[in-house]
């Protein structure tokens, strides 16, 4: 059995009268990626802050790399890396200078810091940046450098809080490639993200939090399946034809009218199907004699976005600002590879 890298048991946290984490249970096997999803205020950042020893839980237990966050905060910090939503880099220094500086702050000797910096620059495709100041880097380059800095001591567990926020498509692809490489080398990653395609591509399992509770946990495919099977989409040339088309589609598929959805803005009729090819033929046969102008017609699988919306169904309020209670008196100055210059909202 694969050992657990992260384990939560009945973890709770409240701010005043508001419960942010409500008896959360979670187990993340070593060497995997867990995507932690949920609306703003669901408890994602609070969970990460507890796991990285920045915040005390009210009750329950949390273990990271086999160490309890309350009883052994020093050991937890020695075994983790943390990358916040903004790159925590010196804008004036170059990539190598940043890494050497962070290495020295992590108590590496001068030679060891330089060797490790060169290894990471090669691994993250930044070796050719020379002395170019970080302020001239693209968003993707900054993010890759921030990831590299979090891995100076090769932590077994890495926390990524919204790692691709604000990046262009190429920057996101660069970060995804870097994360896959880390996991391939054995790192366990807990990823919080609002980009569902990011979780879909990177996560071995997805946990959806809502109002501080785990409302779904499984693979991306399992969450999509819970939303329903395949669907057929019919996009009409005229939105006025939607009611007629919806009735025809329902009759052709033998579906209750309540299972057929219409979207006026998109001029689209959507319905679940059991037999992909049979459904397509039946809908075409029903629409053709009716003389309705169709712009597009196709079958598709459920998306993680649809599963997420079905599971949460609403937008929560932003999480309240965390109070300055700490897991340990010295948690404000974390050691090891926990880089905590950003505390995400």
C-alpha atoms as a PDB file:
ATOM      1  CA  UNK A   1       0.000   0.000   0.000  1.00  0.00           C
ATOM      2  CA  UNK A   2       1.310   3.458  -0.934  1.00  0.00           C
ATOM      3  CA  UNK A   3       2.053   5.504   2.215  1.00  0.00           C
ATOM      4  CA  UNK A   4       0.203   8.753   2.826  1.00  0.00           C
ATOM      5  CA  UNK A   5       2.073  12.014   2.275  1.00  0.00           C
ATOM      6  CA  UNK A   6      -0.781  14.165   3.623  1.00  0.00           C
ATOM      7  CA  UNK A   7      -3.498  13.077   6.022  1.00  0.00           C
ATOM      8  CA  UNK A   8      -6.337  15.060   7.607  1.00  0.00           C
ATOM      9  CA  UNK A   9      -8.711  13.627  10.197  1.00  0.00           C
ATOM     10  CA  UNK A  10     -11.770  15.543  11.408  1.00  0.00           C
ATOM     11  CA  UNK A  11      -9.941  18.822  10.810  1.00  0.00           C
ATOM     12  CA  UNK A  12     -11.934  21.880  11.867  1.00  0.00           C
ATOM     13  CA  UNK A  13     -11.292  25.617  11.838  1.00  0.00           C
ATOM     14  CA  UNK A  14     -13.609  28.535  12.578  1.00  0.00           C
ATOM     15  CA  UNK A  15     -13.320  32.307  12.475  1.00  0.00           C
ATOM     16  CA  UNK A  16     -15.684  33.628  15.094  1.00  0.00           C
ATOM     17  CA  UNK A  17     -19.058  32.024  14.442  1.00  0.00           C
ATOM     18  CA  UNK A  18     -18.180  30.942  10.908  1.00  0.00           C
ATOM     19  CA  UNK A  19     -16.900  27.410  10.330  1.00  0.00           C
ATOM     20  CA  UNK A  20     -14.361  27.354   7.499  1.00  0.00           C
ATOM     21  CA  UNK A  21     -13.294  23.700   7.788  1.00  0.00           C
ATOM     22  CA  UNK A  22     -15.885  21.256   9.110  1.00  0.00           C
ATOM     23  CA  UNK A  23     -14.461  17.851  10.120  1.00  0.00           C
ATOM     24  CA  UNK A  24     -12.465  17.395   6.931  1.00  0.00           C
ATOM     25  CA  UNK A  25     -10.998  13.935   6.262  1.00  0.00           C
ATOM     26  CA  UNK A  26      -8.440  13.556   3.475  1.00  0.00           C
ATOM     27  CA  UNK A  27      -5.678  11.143   2.530  1.00  0.00           C
ATOM     28  CA  UNK A  28      -3.135  11.909  -0.223  1.00  0.00           C
ATOM     29  CA  UNK A  29      -0.890   9.005  -1.289  1.00  0.00           C
ATOM     30  CA  UNK A  30       2.789   9.778  -1.766  1.00  0.00           C
ATOM     31  CA  UNK A  31       3.902  10.572  -5.307  1.00  0.00           C
ATOM     32  CA  UNK A  32       0.485  11.786  -6.488  1.00  0.00           C
ATOM     33  CA  UNK A  33      -1.224  15.096  -7.261  1.00  0.00           C
ATOM     34  CA  UNK A  34      -4.368  16.104  -5.403  1.00  0.00           C
ATOM     35  CA  UNK A  35      -6.382  18.926  -6.954  1.00  0.00           C
ATOM     36  CA  UNK A  36      -8.176  20.890  -4.227  1.00  0.00           C
ATOM     37  CA  UNK A  37     -11.132  22.747  -5.751  1.00  0.00           C
ATOM     38  CA  UNK A  38     -13.935  24.867  -4.402  1.00  0.00           C
ATOM     39  CA  UNK A  39     -15.506  28.328  -4.553  1.00  0.00           C
ATOM     40  CA  UNK A  40     -13.893  31.269  -2.793  1.00  0.00           C
ATOM     41  CA  UNK A  41     -14.495  30.733   0.902  1.00  0.00           C
ATOM     42  CA  UNK A  42     -14.694  26.946   0.637  1.00  0.00           C
ATOM     43  CA  UNK A  43     -11.692  26.472   2.944  1.00  0.00           C
ATOM     44  CA  UNK A  44      -8.917  25.640   0.470  1.00  0.00           C
ATOM     45  CA  UNK A  45      -6.411  28.258   1.598  1.00  0.00           C
ATOM     46  CA  UNK A  46      -7.188  27.658   5.262  1.00  0.00           C
ATOM     47  CA  UNK A  47      -6.425  23.956   4.794  1.00  0.00           C
ATOM     48  CA  UNK A  48      -3.121  24.753   3.067  1.00  0.00           C
ATOM     49  CA  UNK A  49      -2.121  27.195   5.808  1.00  0.00           C
ATOM     50  CA  UNK A  50      -2.785  24.584   8.482  1.00  0.00           C
ATOM     51  CA  UNK A  51      -0.822  21.953   6.581  1.00  0.00           C
ATOM     52  CA  UNK A  52       2.119  24.331   6.193  1.00  0.00           C
ATOM     53  CA  UNK A  53       2.102  25.219   9.936  1.00  0.00           C
ATOM     54  CA  UNK A  54       0.964  28.804   9.393  1.00  0.00           C
ATOM     55  CA  UNK A  55      -2.330  28.342  11.214  1.00  0.00           C
ATOM     56  CA  UNK A  56      -3.611  26.250  14.119  1.00  0.00           C
ATOM     57  CA  UNK A  57      -6.665  24.039  13.629  1.00  0.00           C
ATOM     58  CA  UNK A  58      -9.385  24.193  16.278  1.00  0.00           C
ATOM     59  CA  UNK A  59      -9.604  20.407  16.442  1.00  0.00           C
ATOM     60  CA  UNK A  60      -8.719  17.282  14.525  1.00  0.00           C
ATOM     61  CA  UNK A  61      -5.300  16.230  13.263  1.00  0.00           C
ATOM     62  CA  UNK A  62      -3.155  16.966  10.228  1.00  0.00           C
ATOM     63  CA  UNK A  63      -0.014  15.105   9.181  1.00  0.00           C
ATOM     64  CA  UNK A  64       2.437  15.935   6.414  1.00  0.00           C
ATOM     65  CA  UNK A  65       5.226  13.546   5.411  1.00  0.00           C
ATOM     66  CA  UNK A  66       4.426  11.517   8.524  1.00  0.00           C
ATOM     67  CA  UNK A  67       4.717  14.461  10.945  1.00  0.00           C
ATOM     68  CA  UNK A  68       1.949  16.090  12.954  1.00  0.00           C
ATOM     69  CA  UNK A  69       1.661  19.808  12.152  1.00  0.00           C
ATOM     70  CA  UNK A  70       1.142  20.722  15.818  1.00  0.00           C
ATOM     71  CA  UNK A  71       3.528  18.337  17.557  1.00  0.00           C
ATOM     72  CA  UNK A  72       6.346  18.468  14.983  1.00  0.00           C
ATOM     73  CA  UNK A  73       6.098  21.746  13.025  1.00  0.00           C
ATOM     74  CA  UNK A  74       9.876  21.882  12.454  1.00  0.00           C
ATOM     75  CA  UNK A  75       9.840  18.444  10.820  1.00  0.00           C
ATOM     76  CA  UNK A  76       6.873  19.400   8.667  1.00  0.00           C
ATOM     77  CA  UNK A  77       8.686  22.497   7.405  1.00  0.00           C
ATOM     78  CA  UNK A  78      11.791  20.475   6.598  1.00  0.00           C
ATOM     79  CA  UNK A  79       9.705  18.281   4.322  1.00  0.00           C
ATOM     80  CA  UNK A  80       7.602  20.781   2.379  1.00  0.00           C
ATOM     81  CA  UNK A  81       7.785  23.456  -0.266  1.00  0.00           C
ATOM     82  CA  UNK A  82       5.148  26.161  -0.645  1.00  0.00           C
ATOM     83  CA  UNK A  83       4.503  28.301  -3.724  1.00  0.00           C
ATOM     84  CA  UNK A  84       1.955  31.093  -3.278  1.00  0.00           C
ATOM     85  CA  UNK A  85      -0.077  32.929  -5.881  1.00  0.00           C
ATOM     86  CA  UNK A  86       2.669  35.477  -6.606  1.00  0.00           C
ATOM     87  CA  UNK A  87       6.318  34.751  -7.326  1.00  0.00           C
ATOM     88  CA  UNK A  88       8.440  35.529  -4.253  1.00  0.00           C
ATOM     89  CA  UNK A  89      11.604  36.558  -6.090  1.00  0.00           C
ATOM     90  CA  UNK A  90      14.139  39.378  -6.003  1.00  0.00           C
ATOM     91  CA  UNK A  91      13.398  41.408  -9.136  1.00  0.00           C
ATOM     92  CA  UNK A  92      16.915  42.846  -9.399  1.00  0.00           C
ATOM     93  CA  UNK A  93      18.818  39.570  -9.230  1.00  0.00           C
ATOM     94  CA  UNK A  94      19.100  36.975 -11.982  1.00  0.00           C
ATOM     95  CA  UNK A  95      17.717  33.441 -11.797  1.00  0.00           C
ATOM     96  CA  UNK A  96      20.948  31.840 -10.574  1.00  0.00           C
ATOM     97  CA  UNK A  97      21.536  34.607  -8.038  1.00  0.00           C
ATOM     98  CA  UNK A  98      18.015  34.159  -6.664  1.00  0.00           C
ATOM     99  CA  UNK A  99      18.478  30.429  -6.248  1.00  0.00           C
ATOM    100  CA  UNK A 100      21.889  30.777  -4.618  1.00  0.00           C
ATOM    101  CA  UNK A 101      20.463  33.382  -2.239  1.00  0.00           C
ATOM    102  CA  UNK A 102      17.564  31.122  -1.257  1.00  0.00           C
ATOM    103  CA  UNK A 103      19.983  28.212  -0.876  1.00  0.00           C
ATOM    104  CA  UNK A 104      22.106  30.221   1.541  1.00  0.00           C
ATOM    105  CA  UNK A 105      18.966  31.207   3.475  1.00  0.00           C
ATOM    106  CA  UNK A 106      18.216  27.490   3.746  1.00  0.00           C
ATOM    107  CA  UNK A 107      21.673  27.025   5.319  1.00  0.00           C
ATOM    108  CA  UNK A 108      23.358  25.435   2.317  1.00  0.00           C
ATOM    109  CA  UNK A 109      27.067  26.121   1.943  1.00  0.00           C
ATOM    110  CA  UNK A 110      28.211  28.394  -0.874  1.00  0.00           C
ATOM    111  CA  UNK A 111      29.376  25.537  -3.106  1.00  0.00           C
ATOM    112  CA  UNK A 112      26.302  23.386  -2.383  1.00  0.00           C
ATOM    113  CA  UNK A 113      23.979  26.322  -3.096  1.00  0.00           C
ATOM    114  CA  UNK A 114      25.659  26.987  -6.449  1.00  0.00           C
ATOM    115  CA  UNK A 115      25.587  23.326  -7.479  1.00  0.00           C
ATOM    116  CA  UNK A 116      21.915  22.981  -6.543  1.00  0.00           C
ATOM    117  CA  UNK A 117      21.057  26.245  -8.348  1.00  0.00           C
ATOM    118  CA  UNK A 118      22.657  24.970 -11.555  1.00  0.00           C
ATOM    119  CA  UNK A 119      20.784  21.661 -11.287  1.00  0.00           C
ATOM    120  CA  UNK A 120      17.455  23.447 -10.919  1.00  0.00           C
ATOM    121  CA  UNK A 121      18.151  25.933 -13.704  1.00  0.00           C
ATOM    122  CA  UNK A 122      18.783  23.009 -16.055  1.00  0.00           C
ATOM    123  CA  UNK A 123      15.688  21.139 -14.843  1.00  0.00           C
ATOM    124  CA  UNK A 124      13.420  24.161 -15.355  1.00  0.00           C
ATOM    125  CA  UNK A 125      14.923  25.303 -18.673  1.00  0.00           C
ATOM    126  CA  UNK A 126      16.340  28.538 -17.234  1.00  0.00           C
ATOM    127  CA  UNK A 127      20.043  27.856 -17.639  1.00  0.00           C
ATOM    128  CA  UNK A 128      20.336  30.226 -20.608  1.00  0.00           C
ATOM    129  CA  UNK A 129      18.998  33.290 -18.748  1.00  0.00           C
ATOM    130  CA  UNK A 130      22.491  34.257 -17.549  1.00  0.00           C
ATOM    131  CA  UNK A 131      22.494  37.403 -15.396  1.00  0.00           C
ATOM    132  CA  UNK A 132      19.233  38.712 -16.840  1.00  0.00           C
ATOM    133  CA  UNK A 133      17.257  40.380 -14.041  1.00  0.00           C
ATOM    134  CA  UNK A 134      14.048  38.635 -13.018  1.00  0.00           C
ATOM    135  CA  UNK A 135      12.055  41.820 -13.688  1.00  0.00           C
ATOM    136  CA  UNK A 136      12.613  41.138 -17.392  1.00  0.00           C
ATOM    137  CA  UNK A 137      11.312  37.539 -17.202  1.00  0.00           C
ATOM    138  CA  UNK A 138       7.992  36.469 -18.677  1.00  0.00           C
ATOM    139  CA  UNK A 139       5.257  35.232 -16.339  1.00  0.00           C
ATOM    140  CA  UNK A 140       5.980  31.604 -17.180  1.00  0.00           C
ATOM    141  CA  UNK A 141       9.709  32.036 -16.534  1.00  0.00           C
ATOM    142  CA  UNK A 142       9.024  33.664 -13.156  1.00  0.00           C
ATOM    143  CA  UNK A 143       6.695  30.844 -12.164  1.00  0.00           C
ATOM    144  CA  UNK A 144       9.224  28.193 -13.173  1.00  0.00           C
ATOM    145  CA  UNK A 145      11.892  29.990 -11.151  1.00  0.00           C
ATOM    146  CA  UNK A 146       9.553  30.219  -8.153  1.00  0.00           C
ATOM    147  CA  UNK A 147       8.928  26.462  -8.400  1.00  0.00           C
ATOM    148  CA  UNK A 148      12.662  25.846  -8.643  1.00  0.00           C
ATOM    149  CA  UNK A 149      13.281  27.915  -5.503  1.00  0.00           C
ATOM    150  CA  UNK A 150      10.708  25.873  -3.582  1.00  0.00           C
ATOM    151  CA  UNK A 151      12.656  22.706  -4.442  1.00  0.00           C
ATOM    152  CA  UNK A 152      16.108  23.729  -3.292  1.00  0.00           C
ATOM    153  CA  UNK A 153      16.065  21.048  -0.606  1.00  0.00           C
ATOM    154  CA  UNK A 154      14.022  18.597  -2.740  1.00  0.00           C
ATOM    155  CA  UNK A 155      10.982  18.462  -0.417  1.00  0.00           C
ATOM    156  CA  UNK A 156       8.850  15.322  -0.612  1.00  0.00           C
ATOM    157  CA  UNK A 157       5.643  17.406  -0.437  1.00  0.00           C
ATOM    158  CA  UNK A 158       4.921  20.568  -2.447  1.00  0.00           C
ATOM    159  CA  UNK A 159       1.940  22.907  -1.967  1.00  0.00           C
ATOM    160  CA  UNK A 160       0.950  24.957  -5.010  1.00  0.00           C
ATOM    161  CA  UNK A 161      -1.627  27.676  -4.357  1.00  0.00           C
ATOM    162  CA  UNK A 162      -3.080  28.903  -7.674  1.00  0.00           C
ATOM    163  CA  UNK A 163       0.266  28.379  -9.469  1.00  0.00           C
ATOM    164  CA  UNK A 164      -0.797  29.657 -12.902  1.00  0.00           C
ATOM    165  CA  UNK A 165      -2.841  32.703 -11.910  1.00  0.00           C
ATOM    166  CA  UNK A 166      -2.237  35.484 -14.444  1.00  0.00           C
ATOM    167  CA  UNK A 167      -0.131  33.403 -16.827  1.00  0.00           C
ATOM    168  CA  UNK A 168      -0.649  33.247 -20.576  1.00  0.00           C
ATOM    169  CA  UNK A 169      -1.369  29.842 -22.213  1.00  0.00           C
ATOM    170  CA  UNK A 170       2.310  29.097 -22.880  1.00  0.00           C
ATOM    171  CA  UNK A 171       3.226  30.024 -19.316  1.00  0.00           C
ATOM    172  CA  UNK A 172       0.580  27.645 -17.992  1.00  0.00           C
ATOM    173  CA  UNK A 173       1.890  24.836 -20.191  1.00  0.00           C
ATOM    174  CA  UNK A 174       5.420  25.481 -18.894  1.00  0.00           C
ATOM    175  CA  UNK A 175       4.286  25.235 -15.281  1.00  0.00           C
ATOM    176  CA  UNK A 176       2.258  22.089 -15.967  1.00  0.00           C
ATOM    177  CA  UNK A 177       5.281  20.438 -17.568  1.00  0.00           C
ATOM    178  CA  UNK A 178       7.414  21.360 -14.540  1.00  0.00           C
ATOM    179  CA  UNK A 179       4.834  19.894 -12.134  1.00  0.00           C
ATOM    180  CA  UNK A 180       4.639  16.642 -14.110  1.00  0.00           C
ATOM    181  CA  UNK A 181       8.422  16.348 -13.935  1.00  0.00           C
ATOM    182  CA  UNK A 182       8.380  16.847 -10.155  1.00  0.00           C
ATOM    183  CA  UNK A 183       5.727  14.200  -9.647  1.00  0.00           C
ATOM    184  CA  UNK A 184       7.594  11.827 -11.936  1.00  0.00           C
ATOM    185  CA  UNK A 185      10.563  12.217  -9.595  1.00  0.00           C
ATOM    186  CA  UNK A 186       8.421  11.279  -6.584  1.00  0.00           C
ATOM    187  CA  UNK A 187       7.180  14.613  -5.204  1.00  0.00           C
ATOM    188  CA  UNK A 188       3.655  14.730  -3.791  1.00  0.00           C
ATOM    189  CA  UNK A 189       1.724  17.834  -4.860  1.00  0.00           C
ATOM    190  CA  UNK A 190      -1.345  19.453  -3.348  1.00  0.00           C
ATOM    191  CA  UNK A 191      -2.681  21.889  -5.929  1.00  0.00           C
ATOM    192  CA  UNK A 192      -5.341  24.512  -5.265  1.00  0.00           C
ATOM    193  CA  UNK A 193      -6.732  26.039  -8.423  1.00  0.00           C
ATOM    194  CA  UNK A 194      -9.746  27.767  -9.920  1.00  0.00           C
ATOM    195  CA  UNK A 195      -8.754  26.506 -13.389  1.00  0.00           C
ATOM    196  CA  UNK A 196     -10.647  23.248 -13.703  1.00  0.00           C
ATOM    197  CA  UNK A 197      -8.787  22.246 -16.859  1.00  0.00           C
ATOM    198  CA  UNK A 198      -5.597  22.483 -14.780  1.00  0.00           C
ATOM    199  CA  UNK A 199      -6.928  19.986 -12.232  1.00  0.00           C
ATOM    200  CA  UNK A 200      -8.238  17.833 -15.072  1.00  0.00           C
ATOM    201  CA  UNK A 201      -4.770  17.606 -16.635  1.00  0.00           C
ATOM    202  CA  UNK A 202      -2.568  17.368 -13.551  1.00  0.00           C
ATOM    203  CA  UNK A 203      -4.466  15.772 -10.683  1.00  0.00           C
ATOM    204  CA  UNK A 204      -4.594  12.043  -9.974  1.00  0.00           C
ATOM    205  CA  UNK A 205      -7.560  12.771  -7.718  1.00  0.00           C
ATOM    206  CA  UNK A 206      -9.771  15.809  -7.184  1.00  0.00           C
ATOM    207  CA  UNK A 207     -11.248  16.939  -3.874  1.00  0.00           C
ATOM    208  CA  UNK A 208     -14.081  19.472  -3.985  1.00  0.00           C
ATOM    209  CA  UNK A 209     -14.623  21.561  -0.862  1.00  0.00           C
ATOM    210  CA  UNK A 210     -17.775  23.577  -0.310  1.00  0.00           C
ATOM    211  CA  UNK A 211     -18.636  25.458   2.864  1.00  0.00           C
ATOM    212  CA  UNK A 212     -15.740  23.739   4.605  1.00  0.00           C
ATOM    213  CA  UNK A 213     -16.827  20.190   3.809  1.00  0.00           C
ATOM    214  CA  UNK A 214     -15.631  17.592   1.328  1.00  0.00           C
ATOM    215  CA  UNK A 215     -18.516  17.228  -1.112  1.00  0.00           C
ATOM    216  CA  UNK A 216     -16.706  15.017  -3.630  1.00  0.00           C
ATOM    217  CA  UNK A 217     -13.462  13.075  -3.847  1.00  0.00           C
ATOM    218  CA  UNK A 218     -12.283  10.932  -6.735  1.00  0.00           C
ATOM    219  CA  UNK A 219     -10.607  10.936 -10.092  1.00  0.00           C
ATOM    220  CA  UNK A 220     -11.611  13.527 -12.644  1.00  0.00           C
ATOM    221  CA  UNK A 221     -13.370  10.794 -14.628  1.00  0.00           C
ATOM    222  CA  UNK A 222     -15.335   9.685 -11.569  1.00  0.00           C
ATOM    223  CA  UNK A 223     -16.509  13.219 -10.833  1.00  0.00           C
ATOM    224  CA  UNK A 224     -17.560  13.705 -14.450  1.00  0.00           C
ATOM    225  CA  UNK A 225     -19.458  10.403 -14.440  1.00  0.00           C
ATOM    226  CA  UNK A 226     -21.352  11.491 -11.337  1.00  0.00           C
ATOM    227  CA  UNK A 227     -22.592  14.487 -13.318  1.00  0.00           C
ATOM    228  CA  UNK A 228     -24.145  12.233 -15.945  1.00  0.00           C
ATOM    229  CA  UNK A 229     -23.267  10.443 -19.152  1.00  0.00           C
ATOM    230  CA  UNK A 230     -22.720  11.758 -22.651  1.00  0.00           C
ATOM    231  CA  UNK A 231     -24.756  14.699 -23.900  1.00  0.00           C
ATOM    232  CA  UNK A 232     -25.939  15.933 -27.265  1.00  0.00           C
ATOM    233  CA  UNK A 233     -25.801  19.627 -28.140  1.00  0.00           C
ATOM    234  CA  UNK A 234     -27.940  21.256 -30.829  1.00  0.00           C
ATOM    235  CA  UNK A 235     -27.130  24.882 -31.683  1.00  0.00           C
ATOM    236  CA  UNK A 236     -29.917  26.592 -33.618  1.00  0.00           C
ATOM    237  CA  UNK A 237     -29.688  29.510 -36.012  1.00  0.00           C
ATOM    238  CA  UNK A 238     -32.706  31.190 -34.342  1.00  0.00           C
ATOM    239  CA  UNK A 239     -33.241  31.243 -30.578  1.00  0.00           C
ATOM    240  CA  UNK A 240     -36.990  31.459 -31.164  1.00  0.00           C
ATOM    241  CA  UNK A 241     -36.902  27.801 -32.304  1.00  0.00           C
ATOM    242  CA  UNK A 242     -35.546  26.545 -28.970  1.00  0.00           C
ATOM    243  CA  UNK A 243     -38.870  25.368 -27.437  1.00  0.00           C
ATOM    244  CA  UNK A 244     -39.822  23.477 -30.602  1.00  0.00           C
ATOM    245  CA  UNK A 245     -36.375  21.931 -30.923  1.00  0.00           C
ATOM    246  CA  UNK A 246     -36.307  20.947 -27.236  1.00  0.00           C
ATOM    247  CA  UNK A 247     -39.604  19.116 -27.598  1.00  0.00           C
ATOM    248  CA  UNK A 248     -38.387  17.303 -30.719  1.00  0.00           C
ATOM    249  CA  UNK A 249     -35.099  16.291 -29.058  1.00  0.00           C
ATOM    250  CA  UNK A 250     -36.929  15.005 -25.966  1.00  0.00           C
ATOM    251  CA  UNK A 251     -39.284  12.940 -28.116  1.00  0.00           C
ATOM    252  CA  UNK A 252     -36.473  11.561 -30.276  1.00  0.00           C
ATOM    253  CA  UNK A 253     -34.440  10.446 -27.259  1.00  0.00           C
ATOM    254  CA  UNK A 254     -37.396   9.318 -25.169  1.00  0.00           C
ATOM    255  CA  UNK A 255     -36.210  11.693 -22.454  1.00  0.00           C
ATOM    256  CA  UNK A 256     -38.417  13.497 -19.922  1.00  0.00           C
ATOM    257  CA  UNK A 257     -38.746  17.176 -20.924  1.00  0.00           C
ATOM    258  CA  UNK A 258     -37.119  18.156 -17.632  1.00  0.00           C
ATOM    259  CA  UNK A 259     -33.875  16.455 -18.721  1.00  0.00           C
ATOM    260  CA  UNK A 260     -33.564  18.696 -21.786  1.00  0.00           C
ATOM    261  CA  UNK A 261     -31.871  22.039 -21.104  1.00  0.00           C
ATOM    262  CA  UNK A 262     -32.024  25.176 -23.219  1.00  0.00           C
ATOM    263  CA  UNK A 263     -29.597  28.103 -23.281  1.00  0.00           C
ATOM    264  CA  UNK A 264     -31.122  31.135 -24.997  1.00  0.00           C
ATOM    265  CA  UNK A 265     -27.873  33.113 -25.133  1.00  0.00           C
ATOM    266  CA  UNK A 266     -26.054  30.214 -26.811  1.00  0.00           C
ATOM    267  CA  UNK A 267     -29.142  29.165 -28.835  1.00  0.00           C
ATOM    268  CA  UNK A 268     -28.441  25.635 -27.602  1.00  0.00           C
ATOM    269  CA  UNK A 269     -30.490  22.606 -26.648  1.00  0.00           C
ATOM    270  CA  UNK A 270     -28.686  19.994 -24.514  1.00  0.00           C
ATOM    271  CA  UNK A 271     -29.876  16.533 -23.501  1.00  0.00           C
ATOM    272  CA  UNK A 272     -28.333  13.386 -21.953  1.00  0.00           C
ATOM    273  CA  UNK A 273     -27.886  10.350 -24.192  1.00  0.00           C
ATOM    274  CA  UNK A 274     -27.285   6.659 -23.554  1.00  0.00           C
ATOM    275  CA  UNK A 275     -26.519   5.455 -27.103  1.00  0.00           C
ATOM    276  CA  UNK A 276     -24.133   7.930 -28.736  1.00  0.00           C
ATOM    277  CA  UNK A 277     -24.599   7.005 -32.404  1.00  0.00           C
ATOM    278  CA  UNK A 278     -28.240   6.048 -32.090  1.00  0.00           C
ATOM    279  CA  UNK A 279     -29.018   9.329 -30.361  1.00  0.00           C
ATOM    280  CA  UNK A 280     -27.296  11.394 -33.025  1.00  0.00           C
ATOM    281  CA  UNK A 281     -29.209   9.662 -35.818  1.00  0.00           C
ATOM    282  CA  UNK A 282     -32.523   9.978 -33.958  1.00  0.00           C
ATOM    283  CA  UNK A 283     -32.087  13.716 -33.353  1.00  0.00           C
ATOM    284  CA  UNK A 284     -31.121  14.379 -36.969  1.00  0.00           C
ATOM    285  CA  UNK A 285     -34.177  12.404 -38.113  1.00  0.00           C
ATOM    286  CA  UNK A 286     -36.433  14.459 -35.824  1.00  0.00           C
ATOM    287  CA  UNK A 287     -35.050  17.888 -36.719  1.00  0.00           C
ATOM    288  CA  UNK A 288     -34.714  17.524 -40.487  1.00  0.00           C
ATOM    289  CA  UNK A 289     -38.427  17.347 -41.439  1.00  0.00           C
ATOM    290  CA  UNK A 290     -39.239  20.165 -39.004  1.00  0.00           C
ATOM    291  CA  UNK A 291     -37.218  22.550 -41.157  1.00  0.00           C
ATOM    292  CA  UNK A 292     -35.310  24.051 -38.228  1.00  0.00           C
ATOM    293  CA  UNK A 293     -32.014  25.742 -39.144  1.00  0.00           C
ATOM    294  CA  UNK A 294     -29.198  24.113 -37.189  1.00  0.00           C
ATOM    295  CA  UNK A 295     -25.788  25.766 -36.874  1.00  0.00           C
ATOM    296  CA  UNK A 296     -24.099  22.918 -35.024  1.00  0.00           C
ATOM    297  CA  UNK A 297     -24.848  19.434 -33.776  1.00  0.00           C
ATOM    298  CA  UNK A 298     -22.552  17.182 -31.764  1.00  0.00           C
ATOM    299  CA  UNK A 299     -21.933  14.721 -28.960  1.00  0.00           C
ATOM    300  CA  UNK A 300     -19.638  15.436 -26.033  1.00  0.00           C
ATOM    301  CA  UNK A 301     -18.489  14.077 -22.714  1.00  0.00           C
ATOM    302  CA  UNK A 302     -19.287  15.855 -19.445  1.00  0.00           C
ATOM    303  CA  UNK A 303     -16.644  18.370 -18.362  1.00  0.00           C
ATOM    304  CA  UNK A 304     -15.074  18.874 -14.954  1.00  0.00           C
ATOM    305  CA  UNK A 305     -16.599  22.378 -15.019  1.00  0.00           C
ATOM    306  CA  UNK A 306     -20.076  20.837 -15.172  1.00  0.00           C
ATOM    307  CA  UNK A 307     -19.250  18.420 -12.353  1.00  0.00           C
ATOM    308  CA  UNK A 308     -17.925  21.296 -10.242  1.00  0.00           C
ATOM    309  CA  UNK A 309     -21.003  23.455 -10.800  1.00  0.00           C
ATOM    310  CA  UNK A 310     -23.313  20.528 -10.099  1.00  0.00           C
ATOM    311  CA  UNK A 311     -21.483  19.799  -6.837  1.00  0.00           C
ATOM    312  CA  UNK A 312     -21.190  23.372  -5.533  1.00  0.00           C
ATOM    313  CA  UNK A 313     -23.992  25.197  -7.310  1.00  0.00           C
ATOM    314  CA  UNK A 314     -23.209  28.619  -5.917  1.00  0.00           C
ATOM    315  CA  UNK A 315     -20.543  31.247  -5.375  1.00  0.00           C
ATOM    316  CA  UNK A 316     -19.381  31.485  -1.769  1.00  0.00           C
ATOM    317  CA  UNK A 317     -18.123  34.570   0.034  1.00  0.00           C
ATOM    318  CA  UNK A 318     -14.349  35.143   0.206  1.00  0.00           C
ATOM    319  CA  UNK A 319     -12.573  33.517   3.125  1.00  0.00           C
ATOM    320  CA  UNK A 320     -12.086  35.861   6.075  1.00  0.00           C
ATOM    321  CA  UNK A 321      -8.581  37.049   6.773  1.00  0.00           C
ATOM    322  CA  UNK A 322      -6.780  34.577   8.978  1.00  0.00           C
ATOM    323  CA  UNK A 323      -6.122  35.584  12.555  1.00  0.00           C
ATOM    324  CA  UNK A 324      -2.535  35.559  13.784  1.00  0.00           C
ATOM    325  CA  UNK A 325      -2.755  32.246  15.635  1.00  0.00           C
ATOM    326  CA  UNK A 326       0.090  29.942  14.724  1.00  0.00           C
ATOM    327  CA  UNK A 327       0.752  26.235  14.902  1.00  0.00           C
ATOM    328  CA  UNK A 328       3.876  26.948  16.952  1.00  0.00           C
ATOM    329  CA  UNK A 329       5.426  30.087  18.467  1.00  0.00           C
ATOM    330  CA  UNK A 330       8.129  30.176  15.801  1.00  0.00           C
ATOM    331  CA  UNK A 331       5.938  29.292  12.822  1.00  0.00           C
ATOM    332  CA  UNK A 332       6.228  32.832  11.511  1.00  0.00           C
ATOM    333  CA  UNK A 333       9.814  32.065  10.544  1.00  0.00           C
ATOM    334  CA  UNK A 334       9.543  28.722   8.758  1.00  0.00           C
ATOM    335  CA  UNK A 335      12.625  26.686   8.082  1.00  0.00           C
ATOM    336  CA  UNK A 336      13.294  23.991   5.533  1.00  0.00           C
ATOM    337  CA  UNK A 337      11.796  24.632   2.131  1.00  0.00           C
ATOM    338  CA  UNK A 338       8.504  26.223   3.166  1.00  0.00           C
ATOM    339  CA  UNK A 339       8.519  29.595   1.407  1.00  0.00           C
ATOM    340  CA  UNK A 340       5.773  31.646   2.963  1.00  0.00           C
ATOM    341  CA  UNK A 341       6.248  35.183   1.717  1.00  0.00           C
ATOM    342  CA  UNK A 342       2.767  35.013   0.169  1.00  0.00           C
ATOM    343  CA  UNK A 343      -0.305  34.192   2.230  1.00  0.00           C
ATOM    344  CA  UNK A 344      -3.061  33.739  -0.326  1.00  0.00           C
ATOM    345  CA  UNK A 345      -6.412  35.390   0.147  1.00  0.00           C
END
